[in-house]
Amino acid sequence: MPQWGMTIDLDRCTGCEACVVACHAENNLPVVGQAEAAKGRAHHWIRVERSWEGEFPNVKARFMPVLCQHCDAAPCEPVCPTYATYHTPEGLNAQVYNRCVGTRFCANNCPYTVRFFTWFDPEWPPPLDEQLNPDVSVRSSGVMEKCTFCVQRIHKVQDTAKDEEREVRDGEIQTACQQTCPAEAIVFGDLSDHNSRVSKLARSNRAFRLLEELGTKPRVVYLKQEDS
């Protein structure tokens, strides 16, 4: 059984946020608007953190895309009273929307702050409703949501491979953020396959995991900048 994971090369990331736009388009994420954003009420399944290194005029910008880390020891899972968030056999931290009652315990327990509460009903007036992805549910208010590693794309490729009586090929599944990244900084695949590209990158001497000292065992592996 595959064990899905992702690597993000920080040496390649330019901070363009194309991944953020792609995630919104793929997963039917609403835009909260300028007034709500000013209150700190952003609603993104992936965000790009920015930091600065050095002193003026020799200042360098550093970027780090942050999304659900799909932890093997996810702190969000044991606190959910309705078992809405759980671990799949393929290693995904899944979210069942029709179980969620919006307690937000999972968000409070997530050290990466990548879970979001839908505090408003999104509006998609015509013709904007034509842009919605039919493979992804449109969530109503009152539930928690987050990155799913584009699970709908995983299932689609798996179904195609099953119909053709073959295994899923390495690199055949692409998440929306990976497909859109112009720098090809994001790689997705099967970590249990030692010959897969993502597995080889995860074993690189540049590899590290975000807040690994917390013992959450993230499945998103970052690659350090070459000069850091």
C-alpha atoms as a PDB file:
ATOM      1  CA  MET A   1       0.000   0.000   0.000  1.00  0.00           C
ATOM      2  CA  PRO A   2       1.414   3.435  -0.935  1.00  0.00           C
ATOM      3  CA  GLN A   3       2.375   5.937   1.735  1.00  0.00           C
ATOM      4  CA  TRP A   4       1.904   9.393   0.273  1.00  0.00           C
ATOM      5  CA  GLY A   5       4.263  12.247   1.060  1.00  0.00           C
ATOM      6  CA  MET A   6       5.666  15.471  -0.316  1.00  0.00           C
ATOM      7  CA  THR A   7       8.981  17.301  -0.541  1.00  0.00           C
ATOM      8  CA  ILE A   8       9.348  21.056  -0.953  1.00  0.00           C
ATOM      9  CA  ASP A   9      12.692  22.422  -2.112  1.00  0.00           C
ATOM     10  CA  LEU A  10      13.180  25.792  -0.399  1.00  0.00           C
ATOM     11  CA  ASP A  11      16.150  26.468  -2.666  1.00  0.00           C
ATOM     12  CA  ARG A  12      13.766  26.528  -5.637  1.00  0.00           C
ATOM     13  CA  CYS A  13      10.769  28.310  -4.079  1.00  0.00           C
ATOM     14  CA  THR A  14      10.487  31.933  -5.227  1.00  0.00           C
ATOM     15  CA  GLY A  15       7.478  32.854  -3.092  1.00  0.00           C
ATOM     16  CA  CYS A  16       5.288  33.538  -6.128  1.00  0.00           C
ATOM     17  CA  GLU A  17       2.245  31.944  -4.401  1.00  0.00           C
ATOM     18  CA  ALA A  18       1.044  30.227  -7.571  1.00  0.00           C
ATOM     19  CA  CYS A  19       0.499  27.181  -5.339  1.00  0.00           C
ATOM     20  CA  VAL A  20      -1.931  29.167  -3.195  1.00  0.00           C
ATOM     21  CA  VAL A  21      -4.005  30.216  -6.220  1.00  0.00           C
ATOM     22  CA  ALA A  22      -3.973  26.674  -7.626  1.00  0.00           C
ATOM     23  CA  CYS A  23      -5.165  25.255  -4.311  1.00  0.00           C
ATOM     24  CA  HIS A  24      -8.067  27.709  -4.209  1.00  0.00           C
ATOM     25  CA  ALA A  25      -9.117  26.798  -7.744  1.00  0.00           C
ATOM     26  CA  GLU A  26      -8.763  23.030  -7.295  1.00  0.00           C
ATOM     27  CA  ASN A  27     -10.442  22.711  -3.900  1.00  0.00           C
ATOM     28  CA  ASN A  28     -13.271  25.264  -4.129  1.00  0.00           C
ATOM     29  CA  LEU A  29     -11.819  27.600  -1.528  1.00  0.00           C
ATOM     30  CA  PRO A  30     -13.662  30.891  -1.119  1.00  0.00           C
ATOM     31  CA  VAL A  31     -11.976  34.290  -0.928  1.00  0.00           C
ATOM     32  CA  VAL A  32     -12.766  35.955   2.386  1.00  0.00           C
ATOM     33  CA  GLY A  33     -12.429  39.535   1.162  1.00  0.00           C
ATOM     34  CA  GLN A  34     -10.319  42.494   2.176  1.00  0.00           C
ATOM     35  CA  ALA A  35     -12.241  43.374   5.349  1.00  0.00           C
ATOM     36  CA  GLU A  36     -12.006  39.871   6.836  1.00  0.00           C
ATOM     37  CA  ALA A  37      -8.366  39.518   5.799  1.00  0.00           C
ATOM     38  CA  ALA A  38      -7.606  42.745   7.663  1.00  0.00           C
ATOM     39  CA  LYS A  39      -8.926  41.035  10.801  1.00  0.00           C
ATOM     40  CA  GLY A  40      -6.500  38.166  10.280  1.00  0.00           C
ATOM     41  CA  ARG A  41      -9.215  35.846   8.998  1.00  0.00           C
ATOM     42  CA  ALA A  42      -7.327  34.353   6.065  1.00  0.00           C
ATOM     43  CA  HIS A  43      -8.589  31.101   4.613  1.00  0.00           C
ATOM     44  CA  HIS A  44      -5.898  29.195   2.702  1.00  0.00           C
ATOM     45  CA  TRP A  45      -5.065  25.503   2.733  1.00  0.00           C
ATOM     46  CA  ILE A  46      -1.492  26.441   1.842  1.00  0.00           C
ATOM     47  CA  ARG A  47       0.322  29.647   2.705  1.00  0.00           C
ATOM     48  CA  VAL A  48       3.806  30.963   1.954  1.00  0.00           C
ATOM     49  CA  GLU A  49       5.680  32.149   5.026  1.00  0.00           C
ATOM     50  CA  ARG A  50       8.265  34.881   4.378  1.00  0.00           C
ATOM     51  CA  SER A  51      11.323  35.774   6.419  1.00  0.00           C
ATOM     52  CA  TRP A  52      14.323  38.026   5.932  1.00  0.00           C
ATOM     53  CA  GLU A  53      18.009  37.281   6.351  1.00  0.00           C
ATOM     54  CA  GLY A  54      20.892  39.709   6.650  1.00  0.00           C
ATOM     55  CA  GLU A  55      21.144  43.452   7.037  1.00  0.00           C
ATOM     56  CA  PHE A  56      20.331  46.167   4.515  1.00  0.00           C
ATOM     57  CA  PRO A  57      21.401  46.386   1.736  1.00  0.00           C
ATOM     58  CA  ASN A  58      22.420  42.702   1.737  1.00  0.00           C
ATOM     59  CA  VAL A  59      19.006  41.349   2.595  1.00  0.00           C
ATOM     60  CA  LYS A  60      17.677  38.013   1.350  1.00  0.00           C
ATOM     61  CA  ALA A  61      14.043  36.924   1.369  1.00  0.00           C
ATOM     62  CA  ARG A  62      13.317  33.343   2.391  1.00  0.00           C
ATOM     63  CA  PHE A  63      10.076  31.557   1.580  1.00  0.00           C
ATOM     64  CA  MET A  64       8.463  28.447   3.040  1.00  0.00           C
ATOM     65  CA  PRO A  65       5.142  27.025   1.800  1.00  0.00           C
ATOM     66  CA  VAL A  66       3.221  25.612   4.767  1.00  0.00           C
ATOM     67  CA  LEU A  67       0.293  23.205   4.440  1.00  0.00           C
ATOM     68  CA  CYS A  68      -1.136  20.293   6.407  1.00  0.00           C
ATOM     69  CA  GLN A  69       1.865  18.126   7.242  1.00  0.00           C
ATOM     70  CA  HIS A  70      -0.208  14.890   7.283  1.00  0.00           C
ATOM     71  CA  CYS A  71       1.573  13.823  10.444  1.00  0.00           C
ATOM     72  CA  ASP A  72       1.918  10.140  11.279  1.00  0.00           C
ATOM     73  CA  ALA A  73       1.382  11.127  14.919  1.00  0.00           C
ATOM     74  CA  ALA A  74      -1.106  13.899  14.199  1.00  0.00           C
ATOM     75  CA  PRO A  75      -2.060  15.863  17.347  1.00  0.00           C
ATOM     76  CA  CYS A  76      -5.351  16.896  15.726  1.00  0.00           C
ATOM     77  CA  GLU A  77      -6.732  13.339  15.546  1.00  0.00           C
ATOM     78  CA  PRO A  78      -7.102  12.224  19.207  1.00  0.00           C
ATOM     79  CA  VAL A  79      -8.894  15.422  20.269  1.00  0.00           C
ATOM     80  CA  CYS A  80     -11.738  15.227  17.734  1.00  0.00           C
ATOM     81  CA  PRO A  81     -14.923  14.190  19.604  1.00  0.00           C
ATOM     82  CA  THR A  82     -16.664  12.944  16.436  1.00  0.00           C
ATOM     83  CA  TYR A  83     -13.712  11.215  14.744  1.00  0.00           C
ATOM     84  CA  ALA A  84     -14.035  13.628  11.842  1.00  0.00           C
ATOM     85  CA  THR A  85     -10.280  13.748  11.416  1.00  0.00           C
ATOM     86  CA  TYR A  86      -8.549  10.392  11.112  1.00  0.00           C
ATOM     87  CA  HIS A  87      -5.549   8.671   9.542  1.00  0.00           C
ATOM     88  CA  THR A  88      -6.079   6.684   6.355  1.00  0.00           C
ATOM     89  CA  PRO A  89      -4.166   3.459   5.596  1.00  0.00           C
ATOM     90  CA  GLU A  90      -2.281   5.407   2.901  1.00  0.00           C
ATOM     91  CA  GLY A  91      -0.991   7.922   5.436  1.00  0.00           C
ATOM     92  CA  LEU A  92      -3.299  10.855   4.752  1.00  0.00           C
ATOM     93  CA  ASN A  93      -4.746  12.916   7.567  1.00  0.00           C
ATOM     94  CA  ALA A  94      -8.340  12.909   6.275  1.00  0.00           C
ATOM     95  CA  GLN A  95     -11.271  15.138   7.182  1.00  0.00           C
ATOM     96  CA  VAL A  96     -14.893  13.928   7.073  1.00  0.00           C
ATOM     97  CA  TYR A  97     -16.954  17.089   6.693  1.00  0.00           C
ATOM     98  CA  ASN A  98     -20.351  15.570   7.512  1.00  0.00           C
ATOM     99  CA  ARG A  99     -18.994  14.331  10.860  1.00  0.00           C
ATOM    100  CA  CYS A 100     -17.440  17.633  11.871  1.00  0.00           C
ATOM    101  CA  VAL A 101     -19.388  19.726  14.363  1.00  0.00           C
ATOM    102  CA  GLY A 102     -16.911  22.617  14.394  1.00  0.00           C
ATOM    103  CA  THR A 103     -15.517  22.346  17.913  1.00  0.00           C
ATOM    104  CA  ARG A 104     -12.147  23.556  16.570  1.00  0.00           C
ATOM    105  CA  PHE A 105     -10.280  21.291  19.000  1.00  0.00           C
ATOM    106  CA  CYS A 106      -8.186  20.044  16.078  1.00  0.00           C
ATOM    107  CA  ALA A 107      -7.149  23.570  15.087  1.00  0.00           C
ATOM    108  CA  ASN A 108      -6.207  24.390  18.671  1.00  0.00           C
ATOM    109  CA  ASN A 109      -4.061  21.252  18.847  1.00  0.00           C
ATOM    110  CA  CYS A 110      -2.296  21.779  15.480  1.00  0.00           C
ATOM    111  CA  PRO A 111       1.172  23.329  15.927  1.00  0.00           C
ATOM    112  CA  TYR A 112       1.285  24.308  12.234  1.00  0.00           C
ATOM    113  CA  THR A 113      -1.954  26.374  12.233  1.00  0.00           C
ATOM    114  CA  VAL A 114      -3.072  24.838   8.937  1.00  0.00           C
ATOM    115  CA  ARG A 115      -6.678  24.010   9.853  1.00  0.00           C
ATOM    116  CA  PHE A 116      -9.415  26.532   9.164  1.00  0.00           C
ATOM    117  CA  PHE A 117     -12.974  26.976  10.396  1.00  0.00           C
ATOM    118  CA  THR A 118     -15.573  27.961   7.810  1.00  0.00           C
ATOM    119  CA  TRP A 119     -17.219  30.753   9.745  1.00  0.00           C
ATOM    120  CA  PHE A 120     -19.296  31.954   6.771  1.00  0.00           C
ATOM    121  CA  ASP A 121     -21.296  30.435   3.927  1.00  0.00           C
ATOM    122  CA  PRO A 122     -19.374  31.002   0.693  1.00  0.00           C
ATOM    123  CA  GLU A 123     -21.273  32.633  -2.140  1.00  0.00           C
ATOM    124  CA  TRP A 124     -20.726  31.678  -5.769  1.00  0.00           C
ATOM    125  CA  PRO A 125     -23.062  33.902  -7.807  1.00  0.00           C
ATOM    126  CA  PRO A 126     -23.327  33.074 -11.538  1.00  0.00           C
ATOM    127  CA  PRO A 127     -21.153  32.773 -13.524  1.00  0.00           C
ATOM    128  CA  LEU A 128     -18.606  32.149 -10.714  1.00  0.00           C
ATOM    129  CA  ASP A 129     -20.313  28.855  -9.873  1.00  0.00           C
ATOM    130  CA  GLU A 130     -19.063  27.535 -13.220  1.00  0.00           C
ATOM    131  CA  GLN A 131     -15.498  27.548 -11.904  1.00  0.00           C
ATOM    132  CA  LEU A 132     -16.193  25.084  -9.077  1.00  0.00           C
ATOM    133  CA  ASN A 133     -14.448  21.721  -9.258  1.00  0.00           C
ATOM    134  CA  PRO A 134     -17.160  19.015  -9.461  1.00  0.00           C
ATOM    135  CA  ASP A 135     -14.790  16.467  -7.882  1.00  0.00           C
ATOM    136  CA  VAL A 136     -14.595  18.441  -4.619  1.00  0.00           C
ATOM    137  CA  SER A 137     -17.452  19.208  -2.239  1.00  0.00           C
ATOM    138  CA  VAL A 138     -18.393  22.807  -1.510  1.00  0.00           C
ATOM    139  CA  ARG A 139     -18.239  23.097   2.261  1.00  0.00           C
ATOM    140  CA  SER A 140     -20.903  24.950   4.221  1.00  0.00           C
ATOM    141  CA  SER A 141     -20.211  26.994   7.332  1.00  0.00           C
ATOM    142  CA  GLY A 142     -19.446  25.375  10.661  1.00  0.00           C
ATOM    143  CA  VAL A 143     -16.835  22.779   9.688  1.00  0.00           C
ATOM    144  CA  MET A 144     -13.067  22.473   9.807  1.00  0.00           C
ATOM    145  CA  GLU A 145     -11.139  22.034   6.576  1.00  0.00           C
ATOM    146  CA  LYS A 146      -7.535  21.764   5.406  1.00  0.00           C
ATOM    147  CA  CYS A 147      -5.196  20.392   2.725  1.00  0.00           C
ATOM    148  CA  THR A 148      -6.044  16.860   1.590  1.00  0.00           C
ATOM    149  CA  PHE A 149      -3.031  16.293  -0.722  1.00  0.00           C
ATOM    150  CA  CYS A 150      -5.682  16.645  -3.474  1.00  0.00           C
ATOM    151  CA  VAL A 151      -7.142  13.261  -2.537  1.00  0.00           C
ATOM    152  CA  GLN A 152      -9.581  13.483  -5.447  1.00  0.00           C
ATOM    153  CA  ARG A 153      -6.636  13.418  -7.846  1.00  0.00           C
ATOM    154  CA  ILE A 154      -5.091  10.456  -6.016  1.00  0.00           C
ATOM    155  CA  HIS A 155      -8.320   8.454  -6.325  1.00  0.00           C
ATOM    156  CA  LYS A 156      -8.747   9.366  -9.985  1.00  0.00           C
ATOM    157  CA  VAL A 157      -5.288   8.091 -10.945  1.00  0.00           C
ATOM    158  CA  GLN A 158      -5.696   4.994  -8.771  1.00  0.00           C
ATOM    159  CA  ASP A 159      -9.018   4.178 -10.466  1.00  0.00           C
ATOM    160  CA  THR A 160      -7.465   4.627 -13.919  1.00  0.00           C
ATOM    161  CA  ALA A 161      -4.530   2.371 -13.003  1.00  0.00           C
ATOM    162  CA  LYS A 162      -6.926  -0.267 -11.633  1.00  0.00           C
ATOM    163  CA  ASP A 163      -8.979  -0.207 -14.841  1.00  0.00           C
ATOM    164  CA  GLU A 164      -5.791  -0.668 -16.860  1.00  0.00           C
ATOM    165  CA  GLU A 165      -4.617  -3.434 -14.492  1.00  0.00           C
ATOM    166  CA  ARG A 166      -1.330  -1.801 -13.579  1.00  0.00           C
ATOM    167  CA  GLU A 167       0.373   0.006 -10.707  1.00  0.00           C
ATOM    168  CA  VAL A 168       0.341   3.769 -10.309  1.00  0.00           C
ATOM    169  CA  ARG A 169       3.489   5.151 -11.919  1.00  0.00           C
ATOM    170  CA  ASP A 170       5.885   7.395 -10.043  1.00  0.00           C
ATOM    171  CA  GLY A 171       5.016  11.019 -10.742  1.00  0.00           C
ATOM    172  CA  GLU A 172       1.641  10.142 -12.268  1.00  0.00           C
ATOM    173  CA  ILE A 173      -0.209  11.784  -9.393  1.00  0.00           C
ATOM    174  CA  GLN A 174       0.305  15.529  -9.156  1.00  0.00           C
ATOM    175  CA  THR A 175      -1.242  17.785  -6.549  1.00  0.00           C
ATOM    176  CA  ALA A 176      -2.569  21.147  -7.723  1.00  0.00           C
ATOM    177  CA  CYS A 177       0.227  23.054  -5.983  1.00  0.00           C
ATOM    178  CA  GLN A 178       2.854  20.787  -7.530  1.00  0.00           C
ATOM    179  CA  GLN A 179       1.396  21.052 -11.021  1.00  0.00           C
ATOM    180  CA  THR A 180       1.317  24.844 -10.877  1.00  0.00           C
ATOM    181  CA  CYS A 181       4.702  25.535  -9.257  1.00  0.00           C
ATOM    182  CA  PRO A 182       6.823  27.224 -11.963  1.00  0.00           C
ATOM    183  CA  ALA A 183      10.055  26.380 -10.127  1.00  0.00           C
ATOM    184  CA  GLU A 184       9.121  22.684  -9.714  1.00  0.00           C
ATOM    185  CA  ALA A 185       9.885  22.990  -6.023  1.00  0.00           C
ATOM    186  CA  ILE A 186       7.144  20.545  -4.982  1.00  0.00           C
ATOM    187  CA  VAL A 187       7.331  16.776  -5.507  1.00  0.00           C
ATOM    188  CA  PHE A 188       4.598  14.334  -4.482  1.00  0.00           C
ATOM    189  CA  GLY A 189       4.647  10.557  -4.442  1.00  0.00           C
ATOM    190  CA  ASP A 190       4.981   7.294  -2.557  1.00  0.00           C
ATOM    191  CA  LEU A 191       7.442   7.494   0.335  1.00  0.00           C
ATOM    192  CA  SER A 192       7.405   3.716   0.773  1.00  0.00           C
ATOM    193  CA  ASP A 193       8.852   3.246  -2.721  1.00  0.00           C
ATOM    194  CA  HIS A 194      12.600   3.711  -2.247  1.00  0.00           C
ATOM    195  CA  ASN A 195      13.014   4.309  -5.982  1.00  0.00           C
ATOM    196  CA  SER A 196      10.435   7.087  -6.201  1.00  0.00           C
ATOM    197  CA  ARG A 197      11.629  10.638  -6.674  1.00  0.00           C
ATOM    198  CA  VAL A 198       9.955  11.888  -3.511  1.00  0.00           C
ATOM    199  CA  SER A 199      11.523   9.100  -1.436  1.00  0.00           C
ATOM    200  CA  LYS A 200      15.010   9.873  -2.740  1.00  0.00           C
ATOM    201  CA  LEU A 201      14.571  13.586  -2.024  1.00  0.00           C
ATOM    202  CA  ALA A 202      13.251  12.835   1.472  1.00  0.00           C
ATOM    203  CA  ARG A 203      16.510  10.991   2.199  1.00  0.00           C
ATOM    204  CA  SER A 204      18.651  13.920   1.006  1.00  0.00           C
ATOM    205  CA  ASN A 205      21.183  15.453   3.363  1.00  0.00           C
ATOM    206  CA  ARG A 206      19.264  18.724   2.930  1.00  0.00           C
ATOM    207  CA  ALA A 207      16.023  17.206   4.229  1.00  0.00           C
ATOM    208  CA  PHE A 208      14.301  18.362   7.411  1.00  0.00           C
ATOM    209  CA  ARG A 209      10.774  18.384   8.829  1.00  0.00           C
ATOM    210  CA  LEU A 210       8.968  21.369  10.271  1.00  0.00           C
ATOM    211  CA  LEU A 211       8.890  21.350  14.093  1.00  0.00           C
ATOM    212  CA  GLU A 212      10.158  17.774  14.012  1.00  0.00           C
ATOM    213  CA  GLU A 213      11.143  18.018  17.667  1.00  0.00           C
ATOM    214  CA  LEU A 214       7.451  17.890  18.615  1.00  0.00           C
ATOM    215  CA  GLY A 215       7.278  14.253  17.540  1.00  0.00           C
ATOM    216  CA  THR A 216       4.400  14.711  15.090  1.00  0.00           C
ATOM    217  CA  LYS A 217       6.252  12.806  12.313  1.00  0.00           C
ATOM    218  CA  PRO A 218       5.238  15.007   9.347  1.00  0.00           C
ATOM    219  CA  ARG A 219       5.019  13.577   5.830  1.00  0.00           C
ATOM    220  CA  VAL A 220       5.990  16.903   4.279  1.00  0.00           C
ATOM    221  CA  VAL A 221       9.779  17.077   3.994  1.00  0.00           C
ATOM    222  CA  TYR A 222      11.556  20.368   3.299  1.00  0.00           C
ATOM    223  CA  LEU A 223      14.916  20.694   1.573  1.00  0.00           C
ATOM    224  CA  LYS A 224      17.198  23.409   2.951  1.00  0.00           C
ATOM    225  CA  GLN A 225      18.687  26.137   0.809  1.00  0.00           C
ATOM    226  CA  GLU A 226      22.097  25.204  -0.539  1.00  0.00           C
ATOM    227  CA  ASP A 227      23.775  28.210   1.062  1.00  0.00           C
ATOM    228  CA  SER A 228      22.094  27.851   4.470  1.00  0.00           C
END
